[in-house]
Every structure is written in C-alpha cells, then in structure tokens.
N, C-alpha and C. Protein backbone atom coordinates (compact mmCIF):
# COMPACT_ATOMS: atom_id res chain seq x y z
N MET A 1 0.81 -1.28 0.09
CA MET A 1 0.10 0.03 0.09
C MET A 1 0.81 1.28 0.04
N GLU A 2 1.95 1.25 0.98
CA GLU A 2 2.84 2.38 0.95
C GLU A 2 3.51 2.49 -0.40
N MET A 3 3.93 1.50 -1.00
CA MET A 3 4.66 1.49 -2.31
C MET A 3 3.70 2.12 -3.34
N LYS A 4 2.38 1.84 -3.29
CA LYS A 4 1.37 2.33 -4.26
C LYS A 4 1.32 3.86 -4.05
N LYS A 5 1.31 4.33 -2.89
CA LYS A 5 1.21 5.71 -2.61
C LYS A 5 2.34 6.44 -3.10
N LEU A 6 3.47 5.95 -2.87
CA LEU A 6 4.91 6.50 -3.31
C LEU A 6 4.81 6.54 -4.92
N ILE A 7 4.26 5.58 -5.58
CA ILE A 7 4.31 5.64 -6.86
C ILE A 7 3.44 6.73 -7.54
N LEU A 8 2.11 6.84 -6.85
CA LEU A 8 1.30 7.91 -7.10
C LEU A 8 1.88 9.29 -6.92
N LEU A 9 2.50 9.41 -5.78
CA LEU A 9 3.12 10.71 -5.45
C LEU A 9 4.14 11.08 -6.51
N SER A 10 5.00 10.00 -6.93
CA SER A 10 6.05 10.29 -7.90
C SER A 10 5.45 10.68 -9.23
N CYS A 11 4.48 10.00 -9.60
CA CYS A 11 3.65 10.44 -10.95
C CYS A 11 3.11 11.76 -10.85
N PHE A 12 2.54 12.18 -9.76
CA PHE A 12 2.02 13.55 -9.53
C PHE A 12 3.06 14.64 -9.67
N ALA A 13 4.22 14.30 -9.00
CA ALA A 13 5.36 15.23 -8.99
C ALA A 13 5.88 15.50 -10.35
N ALA A 14 6.10 14.33 -11.06
CA ALA A 14 6.56 14.37 -12.53
C ALA A 14 5.55 15.10 -13.36
N SER A 15 4.37 14.92 -13.16
CA SER A 15 3.29 15.64 -13.95
C SER A 15 3.31 17.15 -13.70
N MET A 16 3.47 17.50 -12.38
CA MET A 16 3.62 18.89 -12.03
C MET A 16 4.94 19.60 -12.67
N LEU A 17 5.94 18.82 -12.63
CA LEU A 17 7.19 19.35 -13.17
C LEU A 17 7.05 19.55 -14.77
N LEU A 18 6.46 18.58 -15.41
CA LEU A 18 6.25 18.79 -16.89
C LEU A 18 5.37 19.96 -17.19
N THR A 19 4.28 20.20 -16.24
CA THR A 19 3.31 21.33 -16.49
C THR A 19 4.08 22.53 -16.29
N SER A 20 4.79 22.65 -15.20
CA SER A 20 5.67 23.81 -14.84
C SER A 20 6.64 24.11 -15.97
N CYS A 21 7.39 23.08 -16.61
CA CYS A 21 8.27 23.40 -17.60
C CYS A 21 7.59 23.85 -18.83
N GLY A 22 6.44 23.37 -19.08
CA GLY A 22 5.65 23.82 -20.27
C GLY A 22 5.35 25.18 -20.17
N ALA A 23 5.01 25.67 -18.95
CA ALA A 23 4.67 27.23 -18.81
C ALA A 23 5.74 28.06 -19.13
N PHE A 24 7.03 27.55 -19.05
CA PHE A 24 8.14 28.41 -19.32
C PHE A 24 8.82 28.04 -20.66
N LYS A 25 8.14 27.35 -21.52
CA LYS A 25 8.66 27.03 -22.84
C LYS A 25 8.82 28.13 -23.58
N SER A 26 10.04 28.24 -24.35
CA SER A 26 10.35 29.32 -25.14
C SER A 26 10.04 29.00 -26.73
N TYR A 27 9.67 29.96 -27.41
CA TYR A 27 9.34 29.82 -28.86
C TYR A 27 10.35 30.65 -29.52
N MET A 28 10.91 30.07 -30.58
CA MET A 28 11.94 30.69 -31.34
C MET A 28 11.42 31.26 -32.70
N ALA A 29 11.69 32.62 -32.93
CA ALA A 29 11.36 33.17 -34.26
C ALA A 29 12.49 32.93 -35.14
N SER A 30 12.11 32.71 -36.45
CA SER A 30 13.13 32.34 -37.55
C SER A 30 12.79 33.34 -38.71
N TYR A 31 13.96 33.87 -39.09
CA TYR A 31 13.84 35.02 -40.16
C TYR A 31 14.57 34.60 -41.46
N ASP A 32 14.11 35.14 -42.65
CA ASP A 32 14.81 35.03 -43.82
C ASP A 32 15.49 36.37 -43.96
N ILE A 33 17.03 36.32 -44.10
CA ILE A 33 17.79 37.51 -44.22
C ILE A 33 18.60 37.36 -45.37
N GLY A 34 18.53 38.48 -46.27
CA GLY A 34 19.10 38.48 -47.65
C GLY A 34 20.05 39.56 -47.87
N LEU A 35 21.06 39.33 -48.69
CA LEU A 35 21.98 40.36 -49.16
C LEU A 35 21.21 41.36 -50.05
N SER A 36 21.02 42.58 -49.60
CA SER A 36 20.25 43.49 -50.29
C SER A 36 20.98 44.40 -51.13
N SER A 37 22.17 44.81 -50.80
CA SER A 37 23.01 45.62 -51.60
C SER A 37 24.50 45.53 -51.27
N VAL A 38 25.41 45.95 -52.16
CA VAL A 38 26.90 45.95 -51.86
C VAL A 38 27.42 47.19 -52.27
N GLU A 39 28.07 47.89 -51.35
CA GLU A 39 28.90 49.13 -51.66
C GLU A 39 30.28 48.73 -51.89
N SER A 40 30.74 48.77 -53.23
CA SER A 40 32.02 48.45 -53.47
C SER A 40 32.93 49.62 -53.57
N PRO A 41 34.20 49.37 -53.75
CA PRO A 41 35.23 50.54 -53.69
C PRO A 41 34.86 51.64 -54.77
N ALA A 42 35.38 52.79 -54.49
CA ALA A 42 35.11 54.00 -55.44
C ALA A 42 35.37 53.56 -56.80
N ASP A 43 34.53 54.11 -57.78
CA ASP A 43 34.73 53.82 -59.15
C ASP A 43 34.80 52.40 -59.46
N ALA A 44 34.01 51.54 -58.72
CA ALA A 44 34.00 50.14 -58.88
C ALA A 44 33.62 49.75 -60.38
N LYS A 45 32.68 50.47 -60.91
CA LYS A 45 32.15 49.99 -62.25
C LYS A 45 33.31 50.29 -63.30
N LYS A 46 34.12 51.16 -63.09
CA LYS A 46 35.25 51.44 -64.05
C LYS A 46 36.49 50.52 -63.75
N GLN A 47 36.78 50.33 -62.50
CA GLN A 47 37.87 49.59 -62.16
C GLN A 47 37.64 48.08 -61.97
N PHE A 48 36.42 47.79 -61.47
CA PHE A 48 36.24 46.38 -61.13
C PHE A 48 35.18 45.68 -61.99
N GLY A 49 34.78 46.38 -63.11
CA GLY A 49 33.85 45.85 -64.03
C GLY A 49 32.41 45.84 -63.52
N GLU A 50 31.51 45.34 -64.21
CA GLU A 50 30.05 45.42 -63.79
C GLU A 50 29.86 44.42 -62.55
N THR A 51 28.99 44.97 -61.58
CA THR A 51 28.89 44.23 -60.47
C THR A 51 27.39 43.82 -60.39
N LYS A 52 27.04 42.71 -59.55
CA LYS A 52 25.77 42.31 -59.57
C LYS A 52 25.49 41.26 -58.22
N VAL A 53 24.33 41.34 -57.76
CA VAL A 53 23.98 40.59 -56.57
C VAL A 53 22.90 39.47 -57.09
N VAL A 54 22.97 38.22 -56.90
CA VAL A 54 22.15 37.35 -57.40
C VAL A 54 21.74 36.47 -56.23
N ASN A 55 20.31 36.17 -56.19
CA ASN A 55 19.82 35.27 -55.18
C ASN A 55 19.50 33.72 -55.86
N PHE A 56 19.97 32.82 -55.12
CA PHE A 56 19.73 31.51 -55.65
C PHE A 56 19.52 30.55 -54.39
N THR A 57 18.89 29.33 -54.54
CA THR A 57 18.74 28.47 -53.57
C THR A 57 19.65 27.29 -53.83
N GLU A 58 20.11 26.58 -52.66
CA GLU A 58 20.96 25.47 -52.75
C GLU A 58 20.48 24.43 -51.69
N GLY A 59 19.78 23.49 -52.16
CA GLY A 59 19.08 22.53 -51.19
C GLY A 59 17.92 23.41 -50.57
N GLU A 60 17.99 23.49 -49.24
CA GLU A 60 17.03 24.30 -48.54
C GLU A 60 17.56 25.69 -48.10
N LEU A 61 18.79 26.02 -48.54
CA LEU A 61 19.48 27.22 -48.12
C LEU A 61 19.15 28.37 -49.08
N ASN A 62 18.80 29.49 -48.70
CA ASN A 62 18.70 30.64 -49.53
C ASN A 62 19.99 31.58 -49.57
N LYS A 63 20.60 31.54 -50.62
CA LYS A 63 22.07 32.17 -50.74
C LYS A 63 22.04 33.37 -51.73
N TYR A 64 23.13 34.14 -51.47
CA TYR A 64 23.18 35.43 -52.30
C TYR A 64 24.68 35.44 -52.71
N ARG A 65 24.78 35.66 -54.12
CA ARG A 65 26.18 35.88 -54.64
C ARG A 65 26.31 37.31 -55.12
N TYR A 66 27.58 37.91 -54.67
CA TYR A 66 28.01 39.24 -55.34
C TYR A 66 29.24 38.83 -56.00
N GLU A 67 29.44 39.49 -57.24
CA GLU A 67 30.55 39.28 -58.08
C GLU A 67 30.94 40.44 -58.84
N ASP A 68 32.34 40.66 -58.97
CA ASP A 68 32.85 41.74 -59.77
C ASP A 68 34.03 41.11 -60.49
N ASP A 69 34.96 41.97 -61.07
CA ASP A 69 36.01 41.33 -61.88
C ASP A 69 37.16 40.94 -60.82
N TYR A 70 36.95 41.13 -59.51
CA TYR A 70 38.07 40.82 -58.54
C TYR A 70 37.68 39.70 -57.56
N ILE A 71 36.50 39.60 -57.15
CA ILE A 71 36.01 38.67 -56.15
C ILE A 71 34.60 38.22 -56.51
N ASN A 72 34.30 36.94 -55.99
CA ASN A 72 33.09 36.22 -56.17
C ASN A 72 32.77 35.78 -54.71
N ILE A 73 31.77 36.30 -54.14
CA ILE A 73 31.50 35.93 -52.85
C ILE A 73 30.06 35.42 -52.58
N VAL A 74 29.69 34.38 -52.07
CA VAL A 74 28.42 33.80 -51.74
C VAL A 74 28.19 33.83 -50.29
N TRP A 75 27.05 34.41 -49.89
CA TRP A 75 26.62 34.53 -48.49
C TRP A 75 25.40 33.70 -48.15
N TYR A 76 25.46 33.12 -46.93
CA TYR A 76 24.28 32.50 -46.36
C TYR A 76 24.21 32.99 -44.97
N VAL A 77 23.06 33.51 -44.46
CA VAL A 77 22.94 34.07 -43.11
C VAL A 77 22.20 33.08 -42.26
N GLY A 78 22.90 32.57 -41.16
CA GLY A 78 22.32 31.71 -40.32
C GLY A 78 21.75 32.45 -39.02
N ALA A 79 21.32 31.77 -37.99
CA ALA A 79 20.78 32.38 -36.82
C ALA A 79 21.73 33.18 -36.02
N THR A 80 22.98 32.70 -35.96
CA THR A 80 24.06 33.32 -35.16
C THR A 80 25.25 33.93 -35.93
N GLN A 81 25.29 33.67 -37.16
CA GLN A 81 26.48 34.06 -37.94
C GLN A 81 26.25 34.23 -39.41
N PHE A 82 27.30 34.90 -40.10
CA PHE A 82 27.18 35.18 -41.48
C PHE A 82 28.23 34.08 -42.16
N ASN A 83 27.76 33.18 -42.89
CA ASN A 83 28.57 32.27 -43.51
C ASN A 83 28.90 32.73 -45.01
N PHE A 84 30.14 32.48 -45.49
CA PHE A 84 30.50 32.92 -46.82
C PHE A 84 31.67 32.08 -47.42
N GLU A 85 31.58 32.11 -48.73
CA GLU A 85 32.69 31.47 -49.57
C GLU A 85 33.19 32.54 -50.49
N LEU A 86 34.45 32.86 -50.37
CA LEU A 86 34.98 33.93 -51.24
C LEU A 86 36.05 33.39 -52.23
N THR A 87 35.83 33.67 -53.53
CA THR A 87 36.78 33.20 -54.58
C THR A 87 37.55 34.46 -54.94
N ASN A 88 38.88 34.28 -55.19
CA ASN A 88 39.66 35.41 -55.67
C ASN A 88 39.85 35.32 -57.18
N LYS A 89 39.34 36.24 -57.90
CA LYS A 89 39.24 36.38 -59.36
C LYS A 89 40.29 37.40 -59.93
N SER A 90 41.07 37.99 -58.95
CA SER A 90 41.79 39.22 -59.22
C SER A 90 43.07 38.97 -60.19
N GLY A 91 43.59 37.68 -60.16
CA GLY A 91 44.78 37.38 -60.75
C GLY A 91 46.03 37.74 -59.93
N HIS A 92 45.80 38.11 -58.65
CA HIS A 92 46.74 38.41 -57.65
C HIS A 92 46.36 37.78 -56.38
N THR A 93 47.31 37.65 -55.50
CA THR A 93 46.95 37.06 -54.16
C THR A 93 46.32 38.28 -53.48
N ILE A 94 45.11 37.96 -52.83
CA ILE A 94 44.48 38.99 -51.93
C ILE A 94 44.50 38.56 -50.42
N LYS A 95 44.25 39.56 -49.60
CA LYS A 95 44.37 39.39 -48.16
C LYS A 95 43.13 40.02 -47.40
N ILE A 96 42.72 39.25 -46.49
CA ILE A 96 41.68 39.67 -45.56
C ILE A 96 42.18 39.90 -44.05
N ASN A 97 42.17 41.04 -43.68
CA ASN A 97 42.65 41.43 -42.27
C ASN A 97 41.37 41.36 -41.50
N TRP A 98 41.28 40.26 -40.75
CA TRP A 98 40.07 40.01 -39.80
C TRP A 98 39.86 41.12 -38.81
N ASP A 99 40.97 41.65 -38.33
CA ASP A 99 40.74 42.71 -37.29
C ASP A 99 40.14 44.03 -37.81
N ASP A 100 40.16 44.06 -39.16
CA ASP A 100 39.60 45.41 -39.83
C ASP A 100 38.27 45.26 -40.19
N ILE A 101 37.63 43.98 -40.04
CA ILE A 101 36.19 43.76 -40.43
C ILE A 101 35.39 44.24 -39.28
N SER A 102 34.30 45.01 -39.55
CA SER A 102 33.30 45.32 -38.47
C SER A 102 31.89 45.13 -38.87
N TYR A 103 31.15 45.04 -37.95
CA TYR A 103 29.58 44.52 -38.08
C TYR A 103 28.63 45.67 -37.45
N VAL A 104 27.77 45.93 -38.19
CA VAL A 104 26.74 46.86 -37.64
C VAL A 104 25.31 46.08 -37.46
N ASP A 105 24.86 46.03 -36.25
CA ASP A 105 23.68 45.28 -36.00
C ASP A 105 22.48 45.98 -36.30
N TYR A 106 21.33 45.35 -36.10
CA TYR A 106 19.92 45.94 -36.41
C TYR A 106 19.69 47.19 -35.80
N SER A 107 20.35 47.49 -34.59
CA SER A 107 20.14 48.68 -33.80
C SER A 107 21.05 49.80 -34.23
N GLY A 108 22.06 49.45 -35.11
CA GLY A 108 23.01 50.51 -35.47
C GLY A 108 24.41 50.46 -34.67
N LYS A 109 24.38 49.48 -33.73
CA LYS A 109 25.71 49.34 -32.89
C LYS A 109 26.74 48.62 -33.82
N THR A 110 27.96 49.18 -33.67
CA THR A 110 29.10 48.67 -34.40
C THR A 110 29.95 47.80 -33.51
N GLY A 111 30.48 46.59 -34.03
CA GLY A 111 31.31 45.75 -33.23
C GLY A 111 32.28 44.91 -34.01
N ARG A 112 33.16 44.22 -33.31
CA ARG A 112 34.09 43.33 -33.88
C ARG A 112 33.35 41.95 -34.31
N VAL A 113 34.19 41.19 -35.19
CA VAL A 113 33.63 39.81 -35.46
C VAL A 113 34.80 38.93 -35.30
N MET A 114 34.51 37.64 -35.17
CA MET A 114 35.45 36.53 -35.10
C MET A 114 35.14 35.59 -36.24
N HIS A 115 36.12 34.82 -36.75
CA HIS A 115 35.87 33.92 -37.88
C HIS A 115 36.17 32.48 -37.42
N ALA A 116 36.01 31.51 -38.27
CA ALA A 116 36.16 30.15 -37.90
C ALA A 116 37.51 29.83 -37.38
N GLY A 117 37.75 29.02 -36.34
CA GLY A 117 39.02 28.60 -35.90
C GLY A 117 39.46 29.55 -34.65
N VAL A 118 38.86 30.52 -34.35
CA VAL A 118 39.14 31.39 -33.28
C VAL A 118 38.31 30.98 -32.04
N LYS A 119 39.12 30.58 -31.00
CA LYS A 119 38.55 30.19 -29.75
C LYS A 119 37.66 31.24 -29.13
N TYR A 120 36.63 30.85 -28.53
CA TYR A 120 35.70 31.96 -27.87
C TYR A 120 36.48 32.83 -26.86
N VAL A 121 37.35 32.12 -26.16
CA VAL A 121 38.13 32.88 -25.13
C VAL A 121 39.01 33.90 -25.70
N ASP A 122 39.44 33.73 -27.01
CA ASP A 122 40.40 34.68 -27.64
C ASP A 122 39.63 35.57 -28.60
N ARG A 123 38.32 35.60 -28.55
CA ARG A 123 37.51 36.25 -29.55
C ARG A 123 38.00 37.85 -29.63
N ASN A 124 38.47 38.45 -28.49
CA ASN A 124 38.71 39.87 -28.52
C ASN A 124 40.33 40.15 -28.70
N SER A 125 40.99 39.04 -29.09
CA SER A 125 42.42 39.12 -29.35
C SER A 125 42.58 39.46 -30.85
N SER A 126 43.72 39.75 -31.31
CA SER A 126 44.16 40.05 -32.55
C SER A 126 44.00 38.71 -33.45
N GLN A 127 43.50 38.68 -34.68
CA GLN A 127 43.44 37.59 -35.56
C GLN A 127 44.24 37.59 -36.68
N PRO A 128 45.14 36.73 -36.92
CA PRO A 128 46.09 36.93 -38.09
C PRO A 128 45.26 36.87 -39.38
N ALA A 129 45.90 37.72 -40.32
CA ALA A 129 45.22 37.99 -41.61
C ALA A 129 45.31 36.60 -42.45
N THR A 130 44.40 36.40 -43.42
CA THR A 130 44.48 35.21 -44.25
C THR A 130 44.66 35.80 -45.79
N SER A 131 45.70 35.12 -46.40
CA SER A 131 45.94 35.27 -47.88
C SER A 131 45.29 34.29 -48.67
N ILE A 132 44.69 34.78 -49.77
CA ILE A 132 43.96 33.85 -50.77
C ILE A 132 44.68 34.01 -52.03
N PRO A 133 45.41 32.95 -52.68
CA PRO A 133 46.04 32.96 -53.86
C PRO A 133 45.06 33.18 -55.09
N LYS A 134 45.58 33.52 -56.16
CA LYS A 134 44.61 33.78 -57.31
C LYS A 134 43.90 32.49 -57.66
N ASP A 135 42.60 32.51 -58.00
CA ASP A 135 41.76 31.52 -58.46
C ASP A 135 41.52 30.65 -57.28
N ALA A 136 41.89 30.86 -56.01
CA ALA A 136 41.66 30.07 -54.95
C ALA A 136 40.45 30.62 -54.21
N LYS A 137 39.86 29.84 -53.18
CA LYS A 137 38.71 30.29 -52.51
C LYS A 137 38.87 29.75 -50.98
N ILE A 138 38.09 30.49 -50.11
CA ILE A 138 38.02 30.09 -48.70
C ILE A 138 36.41 29.99 -48.29
N SER A 139 36.20 29.06 -47.45
CA SER A 139 34.85 29.05 -46.77
C SER A 139 34.98 29.46 -45.34
N ASP A 140 34.24 30.37 -44.85
CA ASP A 140 34.47 30.81 -43.54
C ASP A 140 33.16 31.41 -43.01
N LEU A 141 33.33 31.99 -41.76
CA LEU A 141 32.06 32.59 -41.22
C LEU A 141 32.41 33.82 -40.30
N LEU A 142 31.41 34.68 -40.15
CA LEU A 142 31.72 35.88 -39.23
C LEU A 142 30.62 35.84 -38.10
N MET A 143 31.17 36.04 -36.90
CA MET A 143 30.20 36.00 -35.76
C MET A 143 30.58 37.21 -34.96
N PRO A 144 29.66 38.06 -34.57
CA PRO A 144 29.76 39.12 -33.82
C PRO A 144 30.40 38.70 -32.42
N THR A 145 31.57 39.31 -31.98
CA THR A 145 32.12 38.97 -30.73
C THR A 145 31.20 39.27 -29.59
N ASP A 146 30.47 40.39 -29.68
CA ASP A 146 29.47 40.77 -28.64
C ASP A 146 28.41 39.75 -28.37
N ASN A 147 28.20 38.87 -29.29
CA ASN A 147 27.15 37.73 -29.19
C ASN A 147 27.61 36.56 -28.45
N VAL A 148 28.96 36.44 -28.18
CA VAL A 148 29.56 35.36 -27.63
C VAL A 148 29.73 35.66 -26.11
N TYR A 149 29.40 34.90 -25.07
CA TYR A 149 29.46 35.08 -23.72
C TYR A 149 29.57 33.82 -22.98
N TYR A 150 30.07 33.88 -21.77
CA TYR A 150 30.25 32.71 -20.93
C TYR A 150 29.21 32.65 -19.62
N VAL A 151 28.64 31.44 -19.51
CA VAL A 151 27.72 31.33 -18.41
C VAL A 151 28.39 30.34 -17.41
N SER A 152 28.57 30.70 -16.06
CA SER A 152 29.19 29.88 -15.05
C SER A 152 28.15 28.94 -14.62
N GLY A 153 28.70 28.06 -13.67
CA GLY A 153 27.74 27.13 -12.98
C GLY A 153 27.78 25.71 -13.65
N GLN A 154 27.20 24.86 -12.99
CA GLN A 154 27.09 23.39 -13.36
C GLN A 154 26.77 23.22 -14.71
N TYR A 155 25.72 23.95 -15.29
CA TYR A 155 25.23 23.74 -16.56
C TYR A 155 25.69 24.90 -17.54
N GLY A 156 26.69 25.45 -17.20
CA GLY A 156 27.22 26.78 -17.83
C GLY A 156 28.18 26.30 -19.10
N GLY A 157 28.88 27.31 -19.58
CA GLY A 157 29.64 27.16 -20.73
C GLY A 157 29.38 28.35 -21.71
N TRP A 158 30.04 28.23 -22.82
CA TRP A 158 30.09 29.29 -23.83
C TRP A 158 28.63 29.32 -24.58
N ARG A 159 28.13 30.43 -24.75
CA ARG A 159 26.91 30.68 -25.48
C ARG A 159 26.98 31.59 -26.60
N GLU A 160 26.12 31.58 -27.64
CA GLU A 160 26.02 32.43 -28.79
C GLU A 160 24.53 33.05 -28.78
N ARG A 161 24.45 34.42 -28.87
CA ARG A 161 23.24 35.02 -29.10
C ARG A 161 22.88 34.99 -30.54
N ASN A 162 21.65 34.94 -30.91
CA ASN A 162 21.19 34.97 -32.25
C ASN A 162 21.49 36.52 -32.80
N LEU A 163 21.61 36.61 -34.07
CA LEU A 163 21.64 37.84 -34.75
C LEU A 163 20.55 38.84 -34.43
N LEU A 164 19.42 38.29 -34.21
CA LEU A 164 18.19 39.02 -33.87
C LEU A 164 17.43 38.32 -32.68
N PRO A 165 16.96 39.21 -31.87
CA PRO A 165 16.19 38.68 -30.79
C PRO A 165 15.20 37.66 -31.31
N SER A 166 15.31 36.27 -30.73
CA SER A 166 14.50 35.28 -31.39
C SER A 166 13.70 34.38 -30.31
N PHE A 167 13.97 34.52 -29.15
CA PHE A 167 13.28 33.62 -28.17
C PHE A 167 12.18 34.45 -27.34
N TYR A 168 10.93 33.97 -27.42
CA TYR A 168 9.88 34.57 -26.75
C TYR A 168 9.10 33.49 -25.86
N LYS A 169 8.41 33.93 -24.81
CA LYS A 169 7.46 33.17 -24.16
C LYS A 169 6.37 33.99 -23.48
N PRO A 170 5.10 33.77 -23.76
CA PRO A 170 4.70 32.66 -24.49
C PRO A 170 4.48 32.89 -26.05
N GLN A 171 3.89 31.97 -26.81
CA GLN A 171 3.74 31.98 -28.23
C GLN A 171 3.20 33.48 -28.63
N GLU A 172 2.34 33.92 -27.82
CA GLU A 172 1.50 35.28 -28.18
C GLU A 172 2.53 36.27 -28.23
N GLN A 173 3.55 36.27 -27.47
CA GLN A 173 4.59 37.43 -27.37
C GLN A 173 5.29 37.28 -28.78
N LEU A 174 5.75 36.14 -29.22
CA LEU A 174 6.31 35.94 -30.50
C LEU A 174 5.47 36.62 -31.65
N ASP A 175 4.24 36.25 -31.73
CA ASP A 175 3.33 36.66 -32.72
C ASP A 175 3.28 38.18 -32.60
N GLN A 176 3.28 38.82 -31.48
CA GLN A 176 3.12 40.22 -31.46
C GLN A 176 4.37 41.00 -31.63
N GLU A 177 5.47 40.51 -31.27
CA GLU A 177 6.78 41.26 -31.30
C GLU A 177 7.83 41.00 -32.35
N ALA A 178 7.91 39.66 -32.72
CA ALA A 178 8.95 39.26 -33.61
C ALA A 178 8.77 39.94 -35.07
N GLY A 179 7.66 40.24 -35.46
CA GLY A 179 7.64 40.90 -36.83
C GLY A 179 8.08 42.32 -36.84
N SER A 180 8.40 42.81 -35.76
CA SER A 180 8.84 44.29 -35.79
C SER A 180 10.33 44.36 -36.35
N PHE A 181 11.00 43.23 -36.46
CA PHE A 181 12.31 43.19 -36.97
C PHE A 181 12.52 43.13 -38.41
N VAL A 182 11.37 42.80 -39.19
CA VAL A 182 11.25 42.64 -40.50
C VAL A 182 11.62 44.10 -41.13
N GLY A 183 12.43 44.12 -42.15
CA GLY A 183 12.86 45.51 -42.73
C GLY A 183 14.02 45.98 -42.14
N MET A 184 14.54 45.50 -41.06
CA MET A 184 15.74 46.09 -40.35
C MET A 184 16.95 45.71 -41.22
N LYS A 185 18.09 46.44 -41.01
CA LYS A 185 19.32 46.23 -41.86
C LYS A 185 20.51 45.69 -40.79
N MET A 186 21.39 44.88 -41.36
CA MET A 186 22.63 44.71 -40.83
C MET A 186 23.73 44.75 -41.79
N LYS A 187 24.94 45.19 -41.36
CA LYS A 187 26.00 45.43 -42.35
C LYS A 187 27.23 44.71 -41.91
N ILE A 188 28.05 44.21 -42.93
CA ILE A 188 29.43 43.76 -42.73
C ILE A 188 30.31 44.63 -43.63
N MET A 189 31.25 45.33 -42.93
CA MET A 189 32.31 46.08 -43.70
C MET A 189 33.64 45.26 -43.75
N MET A 190 33.95 44.88 -45.04
CA MET A 190 34.99 43.95 -45.08
C MET A 190 35.99 44.55 -46.10
N PRO A 191 37.21 45.01 -45.57
CA PRO A 191 38.30 45.55 -46.43
C PRO A 191 38.87 44.28 -46.98
N ILE A 192 39.40 44.44 -48.22
CA ILE A 192 40.04 43.32 -48.88
C ILE A 192 41.29 44.03 -49.64
N ILE A 193 42.51 43.44 -49.28
CA ILE A 193 43.79 44.01 -49.85
C ILE A 193 43.94 43.34 -51.14
N ILE A 194 44.09 44.23 -52.30
CA ILE A 194 44.44 43.79 -53.56
C ILE A 194 45.49 44.39 -54.13
N GLU A 195 46.67 43.86 -54.48
CA GLU A 195 47.78 44.59 -54.91
C GLU A 195 48.30 45.72 -54.06
N ASN A 196 48.27 45.39 -52.67
CA ASN A 196 48.59 46.29 -51.61
C ASN A 196 47.73 47.49 -51.57
N VAL A 197 46.58 47.39 -52.10
CA VAL A 197 45.60 48.49 -52.04
C VAL A 197 44.39 47.96 -51.16
N GLN A 198 43.93 48.72 -50.15
CA GLN A 198 42.78 48.34 -49.53
C GLN A 198 41.54 48.70 -50.17
N ASN A 199 40.78 47.72 -50.47
CA ASN A 199 39.48 48.01 -51.08
C ASN A 199 38.28 47.68 -50.12
N ASP A 200 37.53 48.72 -49.84
CA ASP A 200 36.49 48.57 -48.74
C ASP A 200 35.11 48.15 -49.34
N TYR A 201 34.58 46.85 -49.06
CA TYR A 201 33.32 46.41 -49.28
C TYR A 201 32.43 46.49 -48.21
N THR A 202 31.27 46.96 -48.39
CA THR A 202 30.16 46.91 -47.47
C THR A 202 28.99 46.16 -47.97
N PHE A 203 28.71 45.10 -47.20
CA PHE A 203 27.56 44.13 -47.61
C PHE A 203 26.37 44.56 -46.64
N GLU A 204 25.30 44.88 -47.18
CA GLU A 204 24.02 45.22 -46.40
C GLU A 204 23.04 44.07 -46.49
N PHE A 205 22.64 43.68 -45.46
CA PHE A 205 21.64 42.52 -45.28
C PHE A 205 20.33 43.16 -44.79
N ASN A 206 19.27 42.47 -45.31
CA ASN A 206 17.91 42.99 -45.00
C ASN A 206 17.09 41.73 -44.31
N VAL A 207 16.42 42.16 -43.23
CA VAL A 207 15.54 41.03 -42.72
C VAL A 207 14.24 41.09 -43.57
N ASP A 208 14.21 40.02 -44.42
CA ASP A 208 13.23 40.04 -45.46
C ASP A 208 11.82 39.64 -44.97
N ARG A 209 11.71 38.62 -44.04
CA ARG A 209 10.52 38.12 -43.54
C ARG A 209 10.70 37.35 -42.29
N LEU A 210 9.55 37.23 -41.50
CA LEU A 210 9.53 36.24 -40.49
C LEU A 210 8.85 35.13 -40.92
N ARG A 211 9.63 33.84 -40.71
CA ARG A 211 9.08 32.73 -41.25
C ARG A 211 7.90 32.21 -40.30
N PRO A 212 6.77 31.65 -40.90
CA PRO A 212 5.60 31.23 -40.05
C PRO A 212 6.13 30.34 -39.05
N SER A 213 5.55 30.53 -37.72
CA SER A 213 6.04 29.70 -36.64
C SER A 213 5.39 28.34 -36.67
N LYS A 214 6.05 27.29 -36.14
CA LYS A 214 5.42 25.96 -36.13
C LYS A 214 4.75 25.74 -34.86
N LYS A 215 3.48 25.73 -34.72
CA LYS A 215 2.73 25.65 -33.56
C LYS A 215 2.52 24.13 -33.15
C-alpha cells in the first residue's frame, strides 16, 4: 500500500514538473535574411567591371552571390553567424585582415567579428590575416564577438546569441513582437587588400520576412 502511494506521489510530482516546464517553454522566431546591396570601392564600375547581386537556392538554403572582376562571394545568413565562400578572381593574391572587419547590428551598434578557428576565449584578441592566392577560395564565417558570452555554474559554458532577438514566451509574445524586426538592416564592412591597396566592401543585409512559426 505504501509503495502504491509512493508511485502515485512520484507520478504526480513528474506531472507537475512537466506542466511547470511547459509554462516556461520558449518559442523561437526564424527569419529570412538576404543580401540587399553591396557598396564596392570607389569607381568600382570602371575599375572592377560590372557588379551584381544574385539570389539562388541550394538545397533548402537561400544564398546570395556578389561578383565583380576581382571577387566572387556567396553569403548565407544563419541564426548566429554570416557564412560565406570567397573566390579570388583578381589574378593576384588578396588578403583579408580580420581585425579590420566590422559589423553593424540591427540597432546600429558597431562591433568586432570573429571567424572560424578562433577560440571563444580569444574572441577579442588580434586575429592573423588570411591570404588567398589567385583562383583560390575560402569558406568561412563571421560572428559578432559581442554575441559570444560565458555562463558559469554546473550547466554553464560558452553561449551564442542570435543575430536578432529570437526567443519568446509565450507564443503570443512571439506573434506580437517578432515581426517588428522585418525590414531592419545589418552590415558587414570587409576591407580586402588587392595589390597592396585596401578595397572597402560593405555588404548590407535585410531582414526580409519572419518565417511562419510551427505551433
């Protein structure tokens, strides 16, 4: 009889815990973010040839390509980072100085970025430049260093914030607030050294839409 009572109490406690956890469940907003424009170096049309931005899909990913006579770069924006593949078309070795790249978030705040291979603990340290030989390419990512933080405690560790506020509770808050970020802009300023000359590229990204939430 006592065992039966214990089992019933355990089941009740588990039920209450699940109900309590459900009350605090978070819902994540998901956005489509696209490359809307590129500000290339001065007189780019004359020096760099015709430029263009093309949108295409690859599997389930929505990607954007910018191309001129010197570079071909393909972007895909994830929840926490900007992913890219850069091809050197210039006929010369080009260089990316990671420390010179800056990011402007949706609120207009400017900050540093880190790229693949940099440890979170070293995110604010100097990052060695990368050289790309002619006709070669690199696949990398850019993550705002301000979005990386450490949580202490038993269940702590390194965490990454999303590029846009994405977590809401309850579902009604997501429905009411998440759509306000549609139309906002983010920018990546990426200087690229070509023949010892710094060429400043600014890639502007637009929050195109809020994806329908899965209820």
